Amino acid sequence: MVGATGVVGSTILAVMEERGFAAGEVVALASERSAGTAIPFGGDELIVRALSEDAVEDFDLVLMSAGGGTSAEWAPRFVEAGAVVVDNSSHWRMHDDVPLVVAEVNPDALAGHSGIVANPNCSTMQMVVALKPIQDAAGIERLVITTQQSVSGTGKRAVDELLDSTHRALHEMAPEAPVAYPHAIAFNVLPQAGSFKEGDAYTDEEHKLENETRKILMQPDIGISATCTRVPVRVGHSESVNVQTRDPLEPDRCRELLAAAPGVVVLDEPARAIYPLATEAEGRDDVLVGRVRRDPSHPRCLNLFIVSDNLRKGAATNAVQLAELLHERGLLRRAARA
């Protein structure tokens, strides 16, 4: 586990422990400054080792969640040493020779790996789990997406900033200047998740939703318009998604398809205030879907509300699921040579 002391890395280790991940040995790697840190695991402790030239040998599988720069440098080194890398950064996702995989959506894509498998962006991940049964049944022509993304997607610093700024506001204390975001996040909604490049009106998070969705669903012609926002929620991304299907699809039939889909839980009794909530999603691996209803402005459009724990299914759990599938299908390179 590379990036073992980060928010996602520690969640991956927790998920591995929960699922009884079949590993002969688990090694925690992180930066030099984290070396020596003790991490609870399997009733014992893992002592974090520094990521170094000497640390890449003798691994079958590497789960990597240490940022794009680290992944770009170190993933090829692990592959050259004989390991398969499941990477959680954005660096490899759109490489043509790297499969971008969600366990419930396109697991067969794993067979095409050349040593690296990419984990999608958390917002893309939960959305495609809900979209796949709709695509299979009725086709998808266009998506209009608005996300409400929690601060844990930015990391521990952003979570701490939300908690501290909320405490200060509630106790009428002077606010501190925001660090994680360009504006204060407490009691606010920022119409920006991700960063803007010069001359581009869309953030990198919005482009990830567009490009990754098309790659995973293997449909490059889907029209996609995305707006990604950041909200003062600790864990759990929410998404309002307008889906234009190729064939007519009734809301009741859509609910049936979603209820039968792996990894999806339908919560859709709005008159009884039953619908997906970030607080209900936290700590779960399910993708929660509700508010399924017809768009009155178009005969082939439905509106959905999709929520999931961005640290678990949106990152950690899918990475572990992919690792399990690689093992089960004999797609680990050392296992294939044995």
C-alpha atoms as a PDB file:
ATOM      1  CA  MET A   1       0.000   0.000   0.000  1.00  0.00           C
ATOM      2  CA  VAL A   2       1.724   3.163  -1.259  1.00  0.00           C
ATOM      3  CA  GLY A   3       0.343   6.266   0.453  1.00  0.00           C
ATOM      4  CA  ALA A   4      -0.640   4.266   3.515  1.00  0.00           C
ATOM      5  CA  THR A   5      -0.884   7.241   5.863  1.00  0.00           C
ATOM      6  CA  GLY A   6      -3.219   9.320   3.664  1.00  0.00           C
ATOM      7  CA  VAL A   7      -6.995   9.526   3.999  1.00  0.00           C
ATOM      8  CA  VAL A   8      -7.654   7.117   1.115  1.00  0.00           C
ATOM      9  CA  GLY A   9      -4.657   4.894   1.867  1.00  0.00           C
ATOM     10  CA  SER A  10      -5.741   4.329   5.444  1.00  0.00           C
ATOM     11  CA  THR A  11      -9.281   3.630   4.228  1.00  0.00           C
ATOM     12  CA  ILE A  12      -7.941   1.057   1.743  1.00  0.00           C
ATOM     13  CA  LEU A  13      -6.155  -0.745   4.577  1.00  0.00           C
ATOM     14  CA  ALA A  14      -9.335  -0.679   6.659  1.00  0.00           C
ATOM     15  CA  VAL A  15     -11.360  -2.113   3.765  1.00  0.00           C
ATOM     16  CA  MET A  16      -8.743  -4.822   3.181  1.00  0.00           C
ATOM     17  CA  GLU A  17      -9.016  -5.817   6.822  1.00  0.00           C
ATOM     18  CA  GLU A  18     -12.821  -5.824   6.735  1.00  0.00           C
ATOM     19  CA  ARG A  19     -12.931  -7.985   3.622  1.00  0.00           C
ATOM     20  CA  GLY A  20     -10.271 -10.414   4.840  1.00  0.00           C
ATOM     21  CA  PHE A  21      -8.043  -9.617   1.880  1.00  0.00           C
ATOM     22  CA  ALA A  22      -6.004 -12.700   0.959  1.00  0.00           C
ATOM     23  CA  ALA A  23      -2.436 -11.408   1.196  1.00  0.00           C
ATOM     24  CA  GLY A  24       0.571 -13.304   2.440  1.00  0.00           C
ATOM     25  CA  GLU A  25       2.086 -10.033   3.594  1.00  0.00           C
ATOM     26  CA  VAL A  26       0.916  -6.420   3.563  1.00  0.00           C
ATOM     27  CA  VAL A  27       3.550  -3.679   3.448  1.00  0.00           C
ATOM     28  CA  ALA A  28       2.796  -0.010   4.115  1.00  0.00           C
ATOM     29  CA  LEU A  29       4.818   2.535   2.138  1.00  0.00           C
ATOM     30  CA  ALA A  30       4.730   6.310   2.311  1.00  0.00           C
ATOM     31  CA  SER A  31       7.016   9.334   2.149  1.00  0.00           C
ATOM     32  CA  GLU A  32      10.228   9.570   4.131  1.00  0.00           C
ATOM     33  CA  ARG A  33       8.588  11.811   6.719  1.00  0.00           C
ATOM     34  CA  SER A  34       5.990   9.127   7.503  1.00  0.00           C
ATOM     35  CA  ALA A  35       8.500   6.291   7.805  1.00  0.00           C
ATOM     36  CA  GLY A  36       8.319   4.588  11.183  1.00  0.00           C
ATOM     37  CA  THR A  37       4.652   5.408  11.738  1.00  0.00           C
ATOM     38  CA  ALA A  38       2.686   2.496  13.203  1.00  0.00           C
ATOM     39  CA  ILE A  39      -0.661   1.705  11.567  1.00  0.00           C
ATOM     40  CA  PRO A  40      -3.124  -0.757  13.160  1.00  0.00           C
ATOM     41  CA  PHE A  41      -3.886  -3.672  10.824  1.00  0.00           C
ATOM     42  CA  GLY A  42      -5.195  -7.193  11.325  1.00  0.00           C
ATOM     43  CA  GLY A  43      -4.919  -7.107  15.093  1.00  0.00           C
ATOM     44  CA  ASP A  44      -1.293  -6.014  14.857  1.00  0.00           C
ATOM     45  CA  GLU A  45       0.596  -3.036  13.445  1.00  0.00           C
ATOM     46  CA  LEU A  46       2.206  -2.167  10.143  1.00  0.00           C
ATOM     47  CA  ILE A  47       5.333  -0.062  10.435  1.00  0.00           C
ATOM     48  CA  VAL A  48       5.443   2.343   7.512  1.00  0.00           C
ATOM     49  CA  ARG A  49       8.490   2.088   5.275  1.00  0.00           C
ATOM     50  CA  ALA A  50       9.836   4.884   3.102  1.00  0.00           C
ATOM     51  CA  LEU A  51       9.158   4.638  -0.626  1.00  0.00           C
ATOM     52  CA  SER A  52      12.604   4.163  -2.139  1.00  0.00           C
ATOM     53  CA  GLU A  53      14.533   2.355  -4.877  1.00  0.00           C
ATOM     54  CA  ASP A  54      14.993  -0.620  -2.576  1.00  0.00           C
ATOM     55  CA  ALA A  55      11.281  -0.802  -1.768  1.00  0.00           C
ATOM     56  CA  VAL A  56       9.919  -1.830  -5.185  1.00  0.00           C
ATOM     57  CA  GLU A  57      11.075  -5.440  -5.339  1.00  0.00           C
ATOM     58  CA  ASP A  58       9.200  -8.673  -4.603  1.00  0.00           C
ATOM     59  CA  PHE A  59       5.616  -7.427  -4.723  1.00  0.00           C
ATOM     60  CA  ASP A  60       2.778  -9.099  -6.608  1.00  0.00           C
ATOM     61  CA  LEU A  61       0.333  -6.236  -6.175  1.00  0.00           C
ATOM     62  CA  VAL A  62       0.628  -2.547  -5.364  1.00  0.00           C
ATOM     63  CA  LEU A  63      -2.300  -0.376  -4.315  1.00  0.00           C
ATOM     64  CA  MET A  64      -1.225   3.208  -4.861  1.00  0.00           C
ATOM     65  CA  SER A  65      -2.881   6.353  -3.517  1.00  0.00           C
ATOM     66  CA  ALA A  66      -0.120   8.918  -3.283  1.00  0.00           C
ATOM     67  CA  GLY A  67      -0.921  11.524  -5.932  1.00  0.00           C
ATOM     68  CA  GLY A  68      -0.310  11.791  -9.646  1.00  0.00           C
ATOM     69  CA  GLY A  69       3.339  12.819  -9.478  1.00  0.00           C
ATOM     70  CA  THR A  70       4.295   9.912  -7.242  1.00  0.00           C
ATOM     71  CA  SER A  71       2.305   7.501  -9.376  1.00  0.00           C
ATOM     72  CA  ALA A  72       3.845   8.731 -12.610  1.00  0.00           C
ATOM     73  CA  GLU A  73       7.314   8.141 -11.192  1.00  0.00           C
ATOM     74  CA  TRP A  74       6.879   4.966  -9.175  1.00  0.00           C
ATOM     75  CA  ALA A  75       4.124   2.894 -10.802  1.00  0.00           C
ATOM     76  CA  PRO A  76       6.334   1.980 -13.808  1.00  0.00           C
ATOM     77  CA  ARG A  77       9.124   0.970 -11.425  1.00  0.00           C
ATOM     78  CA  PHE A  78       6.841  -1.443  -9.583  1.00  0.00           C
ATOM     79  CA  VAL A  79       5.600  -2.837 -12.897  1.00  0.00           C
ATOM     80  CA  GLU A  80       9.158  -3.327 -14.146  1.00  0.00           C
ATOM     81  CA  ALA A  81       9.882  -5.229 -10.922  1.00  0.00           C
ATOM     82  CA  GLY A  82       6.988  -7.595 -11.670  1.00  0.00           C
ATOM     83  CA  ALA A  83       3.991  -6.167  -9.813  1.00  0.00           C
ATOM     84  CA  VAL A  84       0.545  -5.073 -10.961  1.00  0.00           C
ATOM     85  CA  VAL A  85      -0.381  -1.564  -9.802  1.00  0.00           C
ATOM     86  CA  VAL A  86      -3.932  -0.437  -9.000  1.00  0.00           C
ATOM     87  CA  ASP A  87      -3.591   3.325  -9.017  1.00  0.00           C
ATOM     88  CA  ASN A  88      -5.984   5.815  -7.458  1.00  0.00           C
ATOM     89  CA  SER A  89      -4.525   8.998  -8.931  1.00  0.00           C
ATOM     90  CA  SER A  90      -5.724  10.741 -12.079  1.00  0.00           C
ATOM     91  CA  HIS A  91      -2.401  10.284 -13.868  1.00  0.00           C
ATOM     92  CA  TRP A  92      -3.025   6.998 -15.716  1.00  0.00           C
ATOM     93  CA  ARG A  93      -6.797   7.062 -16.189  1.00  0.00           C
ATOM     94  CA  MET A  94      -6.936   8.302 -19.758  1.00  0.00           C
ATOM     95  CA  HIS A  95      -3.894   6.415 -21.070  1.00  0.00           C
ATOM     96  CA  ASP A  96      -5.050   4.188 -23.919  1.00  0.00           C
ATOM     97  CA  ASP A  97      -3.131   1.162 -22.621  1.00  0.00           C
ATOM     98  CA  VAL A  98      -4.426   1.474 -19.041  1.00  0.00           C
ATOM     99  CA  PRO A  99      -7.885   0.056 -18.255  1.00  0.00           C
ATOM    100  CA  LEU A 100     -10.125   2.333 -16.185  1.00  0.00           C
ATOM    101  CA  VAL A 101     -12.272  -0.058 -14.186  1.00  0.00           C
ATOM    102  CA  VAL A 102     -15.260  -0.108 -11.850  1.00  0.00           C
ATOM    103  CA  ALA A 103     -15.834  -3.566 -10.413  1.00  0.00           C
ATOM    104  CA  GLU A 104     -19.596  -3.641 -11.019  1.00  0.00           C
ATOM    105  CA  VAL A 105     -19.462  -1.979 -14.441  1.00  0.00           C
ATOM    106  CA  ASN A 106     -16.570  -3.158 -16.645  1.00  0.00           C
ATOM    107  CA  PRO A 107     -14.530  -5.826 -14.797  1.00  0.00           C
ATOM    108  CA  ASP A 108     -13.606  -7.595 -18.052  1.00  0.00           C
ATOM    109  CA  ALA A 109     -11.451  -4.584 -18.966  1.00  0.00           C
ATOM    110  CA  LEU A 110      -8.924  -5.829 -16.395  1.00  0.00           C
ATOM    111  CA  ALA A 111      -7.760  -8.496 -18.828  1.00  0.00           C
ATOM    112  CA  GLY A 112      -6.253  -5.804 -21.050  1.00  0.00           C
ATOM    113  CA  HIS A 113      -3.862  -4.373 -18.476  1.00  0.00           C
ATOM    114  CA  SER A 114      -0.143  -3.994 -19.109  1.00  0.00           C
ATOM    115  CA  GLY A 115       0.784  -3.731 -15.459  1.00  0.00           C
ATOM    116  CA  ILE A 116      -1.277  -0.712 -14.400  1.00  0.00           C
ATOM    117  CA  VAL A 117      -5.011  -0.521 -13.684  1.00  0.00           C
ATOM    118  CA  ALA A 118      -6.618   2.862 -12.953  1.00  0.00           C
ATOM    119  CA  ASN A 119      -9.262   3.615 -10.353  1.00  0.00           C
ATOM    120  CA  PRO A 120     -11.713   6.316 -11.554  1.00  0.00           C
ATOM    121  CA  ASN A 121     -12.453   9.636  -9.942  1.00  0.00           C
ATOM    122  CA  CYS A 122     -14.834   9.265  -7.001  1.00  0.00           C
ATOM    123  CA  SER A 123     -17.658  11.249  -8.627  1.00  0.00           C
ATOM    124  CA  THR A 124     -17.401   9.251 -11.835  1.00  0.00           C
ATOM    125  CA  MET A 125     -17.262   5.982  -9.918  1.00  0.00           C
ATOM    126  CA  GLN A 126     -20.569   6.248  -8.098  1.00  0.00           C
ATOM    127  CA  MET A 127     -22.363   7.670 -11.122  1.00  0.00           C
ATOM    128  CA  VAL A 128     -21.407   4.931 -13.595  1.00  0.00           C
ATOM    129  CA  VAL A 129     -22.482   2.219 -11.135  1.00  0.00           C
ATOM    130  CA  ALA A 130     -25.988   3.706 -11.348  1.00  0.00           C
ATOM    131  CA  LEU A 131     -25.829   4.450 -15.076  1.00  0.00           C
ATOM    132  CA  LYS A 132     -24.680   1.027 -16.272  1.00  0.00           C
ATOM    133  CA  PRO A 133     -28.072  -0.759 -15.917  1.00  0.00           C
ATOM    134  CA  ILE A 134     -29.763   2.186 -17.641  1.00  0.00           C
ATOM    135  CA  GLN A 135     -27.269   2.105 -20.494  1.00  0.00           C
ATOM    136  CA  ASP A 136     -27.755  -1.643 -20.947  1.00  0.00           C
ATOM    137  CA  ALA A 137     -31.544  -1.383 -20.981  1.00  0.00           C
ATOM    138  CA  ALA A 138     -32.253   1.833 -22.854  1.00  0.00           C
ATOM    139  CA  GLY A 139     -28.989   3.392 -24.031  1.00  0.00           C
ATOM    140  CA  ILE A 140     -27.753   6.818 -22.952  1.00  0.00           C
ATOM    141  CA  GLU A 141     -27.489   9.831 -25.251  1.00  0.00           C
ATOM    142  CA  ARG A 142     -26.810  12.716 -22.884  1.00  0.00           C
ATOM    143  CA  LEU A 143     -26.061  13.513 -19.239  1.00  0.00           C
ATOM    144  CA  VAL A 144     -26.398  16.797 -17.360  1.00  0.00           C
ATOM    145  CA  ILE A 145     -24.666  16.496 -13.987  1.00  0.00           C
ATOM    146  CA  THR A 146     -24.397  18.678 -10.912  1.00  0.00           C
ATOM    147  CA  THR A 147     -22.261  17.320  -8.092  1.00  0.00           C
ATOM    148  CA  GLN A 148     -22.221  18.333  -4.442  1.00  0.00           C
ATOM    149  CA  GLN A 149     -18.821  17.027  -3.342  1.00  0.00           C
ATOM    150  CA  SER A 150     -17.707  16.613   0.255  1.00  0.00           C
ATOM    151  CA  VAL A 151     -14.506  18.112   1.596  1.00  0.00           C
ATOM    152  CA  SER A 152     -12.886  14.724   2.307  1.00  0.00           C
ATOM    153  CA  GLY A 153     -12.389  14.469  -1.446  1.00  0.00           C
ATOM    154  CA  THR A 154      -9.738  17.166  -1.020  1.00  0.00           C
ATOM    155  CA  GLY A 155      -8.033  15.449   1.915  1.00  0.00           C
ATOM    156  CA  LYS A 156      -7.552  15.695   5.662  1.00  0.00           C
ATOM    157  CA  ARG A 157      -6.535  19.342   5.556  1.00  0.00           C
ATOM    158  CA  ALA A 158      -9.897  20.280   4.045  1.00  0.00           C
ATOM    159  CA  VAL A 159     -11.819  18.211   6.609  1.00  0.00           C
ATOM    160  CA  ASP A 160      -9.930  19.901   9.441  1.00  0.00           C
ATOM    161  CA  GLU A 161     -10.597  23.302   7.894  1.00  0.00           C
ATOM    162  CA  LEU A 162     -14.335  22.623   7.643  1.00  0.00           C
ATOM    163  CA  LEU A 163     -14.537  21.508  11.272  1.00  0.00           C
ATOM    164  CA  ASP A 164     -12.448  24.410  12.530  1.00  0.00           C
ATOM    165  CA  SER A 165     -14.233  27.082  10.485  1.00  0.00           C
ATOM    166  CA  THR A 166     -17.644  25.714  11.506  1.00  0.00           C
ATOM    167  CA  HIS A 167     -16.625  25.777  15.168  1.00  0.00           C
ATOM    168  CA  ARG A 168     -15.415  29.351  14.820  1.00  0.00           C
ATOM    169  CA  ALA A 169     -18.611  30.485  13.113  1.00  0.00           C
ATOM    170  CA  LEU A 170     -20.850  28.828  15.707  1.00  0.00           C
ATOM    171  CA  HIS A 171     -18.885  30.391  18.555  1.00  0.00           C
ATOM    172  CA  GLU A 172     -18.710  33.837  16.945  1.00  0.00           C
ATOM    173  CA  MET A 173     -14.950  33.652  16.670  1.00  0.00           C
ATOM    174  CA  ALA A 174     -12.985  35.476  14.007  1.00  0.00           C
ATOM    175  CA  PRO A 175     -12.538  33.246  10.939  1.00  0.00           C
ATOM    176  CA  GLU A 176      -9.116  32.219   9.729  1.00  0.00           C
ATOM    177  CA  ALA A 177      -8.150  32.663   6.087  1.00  0.00           C
ATOM    178  CA  PRO A 178      -9.131  29.601   4.019  1.00  0.00           C
ATOM    179  CA  VAL A 179      -6.289  27.352   2.884  1.00  0.00           C
ATOM    180  CA  ALA A 180      -7.873  24.296   1.299  1.00  0.00           C
ATOM    181  CA  TYR A 181     -10.205  26.321  -0.939  1.00  0.00           C
ATOM    182  CA  PRO A 182     -10.284  29.846  -2.387  1.00  0.00           C
ATOM    183  CA  HIS A 183     -13.217  30.742  -0.099  1.00  0.00           C
ATOM    184  CA  ALA A 184     -14.522  29.668   3.294  1.00  0.00           C
ATOM    185  CA  ILE A 185     -16.343  26.321   3.066  1.00  0.00           C
ATOM    186  CA  ALA A 186     -18.347  26.463   6.320  1.00  0.00           C
ATOM    187  CA  PHE A 187     -22.016  27.343   5.646  1.00  0.00           C
ATOM    188  CA  ASN A 188     -21.168  27.863   2.003  1.00  0.00           C
ATOM    189  CA  VAL A 189     -21.389  26.221  -1.430  1.00  0.00           C
ATOM    190  CA  LEU A 190     -18.470  26.731  -3.800  1.00  0.00           C
ATOM    191  CA  PRO A 191     -19.298  26.447  -7.520  1.00  0.00           C
ATOM    192  CA  GLN A 192     -15.848  24.996  -8.037  1.00  0.00           C
ATOM    193  CA  ALA A 193     -14.551  21.510  -7.293  1.00  0.00           C
ATOM    194  CA  GLY A 194     -11.119  21.047  -8.799  1.00  0.00           C
ATOM    195  CA  SER A 195      -9.014  23.644 -10.586  1.00  0.00           C
ATOM    196  CA  PHE A 196      -9.317  25.752 -13.720  1.00  0.00           C
ATOM    197  CA  LYS A 197      -6.714  25.853 -16.450  1.00  0.00           C
ATOM    198  CA  GLU A 198      -6.025  29.101 -18.248  1.00  0.00           C
ATOM    199  CA  GLY A 199      -8.754  29.815 -20.786  1.00  0.00           C
ATOM    200  CA  ASP A 200     -10.944  26.852 -19.733  1.00  0.00           C
ATOM    201  CA  ALA A 201     -14.376  27.512 -18.232  1.00  0.00           C
ATOM    202  CA  TYR A 202     -14.579  23.951 -16.831  1.00  0.00           C
ATOM    203  CA  THR A 203     -12.587  22.482 -13.929  1.00  0.00           C
ATOM    204  CA  ASP A 204     -10.476  19.361 -14.110  1.00  0.00           C
ATOM    205  CA  GLU A 205     -13.112  17.593 -11.968  1.00  0.00           C
ATOM    206  CA  GLU A 206     -15.750  18.384 -14.589  1.00  0.00           C
ATOM    207  CA  HIS A 207     -13.527  17.117 -17.383  1.00  0.00           C
ATOM    208  CA  LYS A 208     -12.871  13.917 -15.418  1.00  0.00           C
ATOM    209  CA  LEU A 209     -16.604  13.249 -15.257  1.00  0.00           C
ATOM    210  CA  GLU A 210     -16.874  13.714 -19.004  1.00  0.00           C
ATOM    211  CA  ASN A 211     -13.833  11.767 -20.152  1.00  0.00           C
ATOM    212  CA  GLU A 212     -13.851   8.952 -17.614  1.00  0.00           C
ATOM    213  CA  THR A 213     -17.570   8.240 -18.033  1.00  0.00           C
ATOM    214  CA  ARG A 214     -17.158   7.857 -21.782  1.00  0.00           C
ATOM    215  CA  LYS A 215     -14.166   5.546 -21.358  1.00  0.00           C
ATOM    216  CA  ILE A 216     -15.745   3.299 -18.706  1.00  0.00           C
ATOM    217  CA  LEU A 217     -19.082   2.991 -20.500  1.00  0.00           C
ATOM    218  CA  MET A 218     -17.234   2.564 -23.815  1.00  0.00           C
ATOM    219  CA  GLN A 219     -19.427   5.159 -25.475  1.00  0.00           C
ATOM    220  CA  PRO A 220     -17.413   8.153 -26.704  1.00  0.00           C
ATOM    221  CA  ASP A 221     -20.452   9.906 -28.173  1.00  0.00           C
ATOM    222  CA  ILE A 222     -22.368  10.473 -24.920  1.00  0.00           C
ATOM    223  CA  GLY A 223     -23.112  14.183 -24.554  1.00  0.00           C
ATOM    224  CA  ILE A 224     -22.056  15.312 -21.071  1.00  0.00           C
ATOM    225  CA  SER A 225     -22.360  18.658 -19.312  1.00  0.00           C
ATOM    226  CA  ALA A 226     -21.047  18.782 -15.753  1.00  0.00           C
ATOM    227  CA  THR A 227     -20.937  21.311 -12.927  1.00  0.00           C
ATOM    228  CA  CYS A 228     -18.951  20.243  -9.856  1.00  0.00           C
ATOM    229  CA  THR A 229     -19.479  22.041  -6.557  1.00  0.00           C
ATOM    230  CA  ARG A 230     -17.959  21.721  -3.096  1.00  0.00           C
ATOM    231  CA  VAL A 231     -20.272  21.666  -0.095  1.00  0.00           C
ATOM    232  CA  PRO A 232     -19.730  21.702   3.703  1.00  0.00           C
ATOM    233  CA  VAL A 233     -20.190  17.937   4.102  1.00  0.00           C
ATOM    234  CA  ARG A 234     -17.461  15.835   5.682  1.00  0.00           C
ATOM    235  CA  VAL A 235     -17.935  12.557   3.755  1.00  0.00           C
ATOM    236  CA  GLY A 236     -20.237  11.574   0.889  1.00  0.00           C
ATOM    237  CA  HIS A 237     -20.619  12.974  -2.608  1.00  0.00           C
ATOM    238  CA  SER A 238     -24.108  13.732  -3.934  1.00  0.00           C
ATOM    239  CA  GLU A 239     -25.024  14.085  -7.598  1.00  0.00           C
ATOM    240  CA  SER A 240     -28.091  15.301  -9.432  1.00  0.00           C
ATOM    241  CA  VAL A 241     -28.027  13.602 -12.830  1.00  0.00           C
ATOM    242  CA  ASN A 242     -30.356  14.204 -15.764  1.00  0.00           C
ATOM    243  CA  VAL A 243     -30.227  11.183 -18.096  1.00  0.00           C
ATOM    244  CA  GLN A 244     -31.464  11.312 -21.677  1.00  0.00           C
ATOM    245  CA  THR A 245     -31.958   7.755 -22.899  1.00  0.00           C
ATOM    246  CA  ARG A 246     -31.983   6.447 -26.454  1.00  0.00           C
ATOM    247  CA  ASP A 247     -35.163   4.427 -25.843  1.00  0.00           C
ATOM    248  CA  PRO A 248     -38.087   5.398 -23.608  1.00  0.00           C
ATOM    249  CA  LEU A 249     -37.672   4.269 -20.000  1.00  0.00           C
ATOM    250  CA  GLU A 250     -40.369   4.615 -17.385  1.00  0.00           C
ATOM    251  CA  PRO A 251     -39.349   5.667 -13.852  1.00  0.00           C
ATOM    252  CA  ASP A 252     -40.775   2.482 -12.323  1.00  0.00           C
ATOM    253  CA  ARG A 253     -38.802   0.322 -14.743  1.00  0.00           C
ATOM    254  CA  CYS A 254     -35.693   2.381 -14.017  1.00  0.00           C
ATOM    255  CA  ARG A 255     -36.119   1.707 -10.282  1.00  0.00           C
ATOM    256  CA  GLU A 256     -36.449  -2.027 -10.997  1.00  0.00           C
ATOM    257  CA  LEU A 257     -33.245  -2.019 -13.048  1.00  0.00           C
ATOM    258  CA  LEU A 258     -31.370  -0.107 -10.378  1.00  0.00           C
ATOM    259  CA  ALA A 259     -32.641  -2.311  -7.544  1.00  0.00           C
ATOM    260  CA  ALA A 260     -31.362  -5.401  -9.389  1.00  0.00           C
ATOM    261  CA  ALA A 261     -27.953  -3.886 -10.192  1.00  0.00           C
ATOM    262  CA  PRO A 262     -24.875  -4.912  -8.163  1.00  0.00           C
ATOM    263  CA  GLY A 263     -23.717  -2.303  -5.689  1.00  0.00           C
ATOM    264  CA  VAL A 264     -26.876  -0.170  -5.918  1.00  0.00           C
ATOM    265  CA  VAL A 265     -29.476   0.473  -3.222  1.00  0.00           C
ATOM    266  CA  VAL A 266     -32.673   2.291  -4.224  1.00  0.00           C
ATOM    267  CA  LEU A 267     -34.088   4.706  -1.630  1.00  0.00           C
ATOM    268  CA  ASP A 268     -37.013   6.353  -3.323  1.00  0.00           C
ATOM    269  CA  GLU A 269     -40.077   7.163  -1.254  1.00  0.00           C
ATOM    270  CA  PRO A 270     -39.857  10.953  -1.216  1.00  0.00           C
ATOM    271  CA  ALA A 271     -43.315  11.415   0.315  1.00  0.00           C
ATOM    272  CA  ARG A 272     -41.933   9.652   3.400  1.00  0.00           C
ATOM    273  CA  ALA A 273     -38.648  11.593   3.204  1.00  0.00           C
ATOM    274  CA  ILE A 274     -36.789   8.478   2.070  1.00  0.00           C
ATOM    275  CA  TYR A 275     -34.056   9.344  -0.413  1.00  0.00           C
ATOM    276  CA  PRO A 276     -30.245   9.184  -0.546  1.00  0.00           C
ATOM    277  CA  LEU A 277     -28.363  11.216   2.058  1.00  0.00           C
ATOM    278  CA  ALA A 278     -24.649  11.745   2.517  1.00  0.00           C
ATOM    279  CA  THR A 279     -25.034  10.882   6.195  1.00  0.00           C
ATOM    280  CA  GLU A 280     -26.643   7.555   5.240  1.00  0.00           C
ATOM    281  CA  ALA A 281     -23.936   6.757   2.694  1.00  0.00           C
ATOM    282  CA  GLU A 282     -20.981   7.346   5.021  1.00  0.00           C
ATOM    283  CA  GLY A 283     -19.314   4.086   5.987  1.00  0.00           C
ATOM    284  CA  ARG A 284     -21.148   2.054   3.322  1.00  0.00           C
ATOM    285  CA  ASP A 285     -19.957   0.612   0.029  1.00  0.00           C
ATOM    286  CA  ASP A 286     -23.330   0.972  -1.692  1.00  0.00           C
ATOM    287  CA  VAL A 287     -24.282   3.552  -4.270  1.00  0.00           C
ATOM    288  CA  LEU A 288     -27.590   5.041  -3.100  1.00  0.00           C
ATOM    289  CA  VAL A 289     -30.062   6.182  -5.765  1.00  0.00           C
ATOM    290  CA  GLY A 290     -33.403   7.952  -5.382  1.00  0.00           C
ATOM    291  CA  ARG A 291     -35.606  10.805  -6.586  1.00  0.00           C
ATOM    292  CA  VAL A 292     -36.093   8.861  -9.833  1.00  0.00           C
ATOM    293  CA  ARG A 293     -38.579  10.884 -11.848  1.00  0.00           C
ATOM    294  CA  ARG A 294     -39.405  11.948 -15.350  1.00  0.00           C
ATOM    295  CA  ASP A 295     -38.052  15.210 -16.668  1.00  0.00           C
ATOM    296  CA  PRO A 296     -41.242  17.028 -17.758  1.00  0.00           C
ATOM    297  CA  SER A 297     -39.338  18.909 -20.448  1.00  0.00           C
ATOM    298  CA  HIS A 298     -38.274  15.813 -22.424  1.00  0.00           C
ATOM    299  CA  PRO A 299     -40.044  12.488 -23.105  1.00  0.00           C
ATOM    300  CA  ARG A 300     -36.810  10.443 -22.810  1.00  0.00           C
ATOM    301  CA  CYS A 301     -35.182  12.119 -19.818  1.00  0.00           C
ATOM    302  CA  LEU A 302     -35.105  10.984 -16.199  1.00  0.00           C
ATOM    303  CA  ASN A 303     -33.700  12.728 -13.141  1.00  0.00           C
ATOM    304  CA  LEU A 304     -31.744  10.755 -10.534  1.00  0.00           C
ATOM    305  CA  PHE A 305     -30.116  11.631  -7.215  1.00  0.00           C
ATOM    306  CA  ILE A 306     -26.993   9.540  -6.537  1.00  0.00           C
ATOM    307  CA  VAL A 307     -24.999   9.456  -3.290  1.00  0.00           C
ATOM    308  CA  SER A 308     -21.999   7.426  -2.137  1.00  0.00           C
ATOM    309  CA  ASP A 309     -19.160   7.470   0.368  1.00  0.00           C
ATOM    310  CA  ASN A 310     -16.359   9.018  -1.694  1.00  0.00           C
ATOM    311  CA  LEU A 311     -13.623   7.517   0.491  1.00  0.00           C
ATOM    312  CA  ARG A 312     -14.980   3.983   0.342  1.00  0.00           C
ATOM    313  CA  LYS A 313     -16.736   3.064  -2.913  1.00  0.00           C
ATOM    314  CA  GLY A 314     -15.477   6.257  -4.497  1.00  0.00           C
ATOM    315  CA  ALA A 315     -11.863   5.227  -3.945  1.00  0.00           C
ATOM    316  CA  ALA A 316     -10.796   2.564  -1.450  1.00  0.00           C
ATOM    317  CA  THR A 317     -13.363  -0.182  -1.870  1.00  0.00           C
ATOM    318  CA  ASN A 318     -13.190  -0.237  -5.647  1.00  0.00           C
ATOM    319  CA  ALA A 319      -9.391  -0.458  -5.485  1.00  0.00           C
ATOM    320  CA  VAL A 320      -9.631  -3.477  -3.192  1.00  0.00           C
ATOM    321  CA  GLN A 321     -12.344  -5.040  -5.364  1.00  0.00           C
ATOM    322  CA  LEU A 322     -10.094  -4.669  -8.416  1.00  0.00           C
ATOM    323  CA  ALA A 323      -7.217  -6.260  -6.527  1.00  0.00           C
ATOM    324  CA  GLU A 324      -9.454  -9.198  -5.596  1.00  0.00           C
ATOM    325  CA  LEU A 325     -10.601  -9.593  -9.198  1.00  0.00           C
ATOM    326  CA  LEU A 326      -7.033  -9.496 -10.503  1.00  0.00           C
ATOM    327  CA  HIS A 327      -6.154 -12.332  -8.134  1.00  0.00           C
ATOM    328  CA  GLU A 328      -9.308 -14.363  -8.804  1.00  0.00           C
ATOM    329  CA  ARG A 329      -8.865 -14.116 -12.569  1.00  0.00           C
ATOM    330  CA  GLY A 330      -5.173 -14.958 -12.560  1.00  0.00           C
ATOM    331  CA  LEU A 331      -4.210 -11.528 -13.844  1.00  0.00           C
ATOM    332  CA  LEU A 332      -1.382 -10.839 -11.417  1.00  0.00           C
ATOM    333  CA  ARG A 333       1.812 -11.102 -13.393  1.00  0.00           C
ATOM    334  CA  ARG A 334       3.790 -13.128 -10.868  1.00  0.00           C
ATOM    335  CA  ALA A 335       0.853 -15.486 -10.409  1.00  0.00           C
ATOM    336  CA  ALA A 336       0.571 -15.833 -14.189  1.00  0.00           C
ATOM    337  CA  ARG A 337       4.246 -16.810 -14.436  1.00  0.00           C
ATOM    338  CA  ALA A 338       4.091 -19.292 -11.567  1.00  0.00           C
END
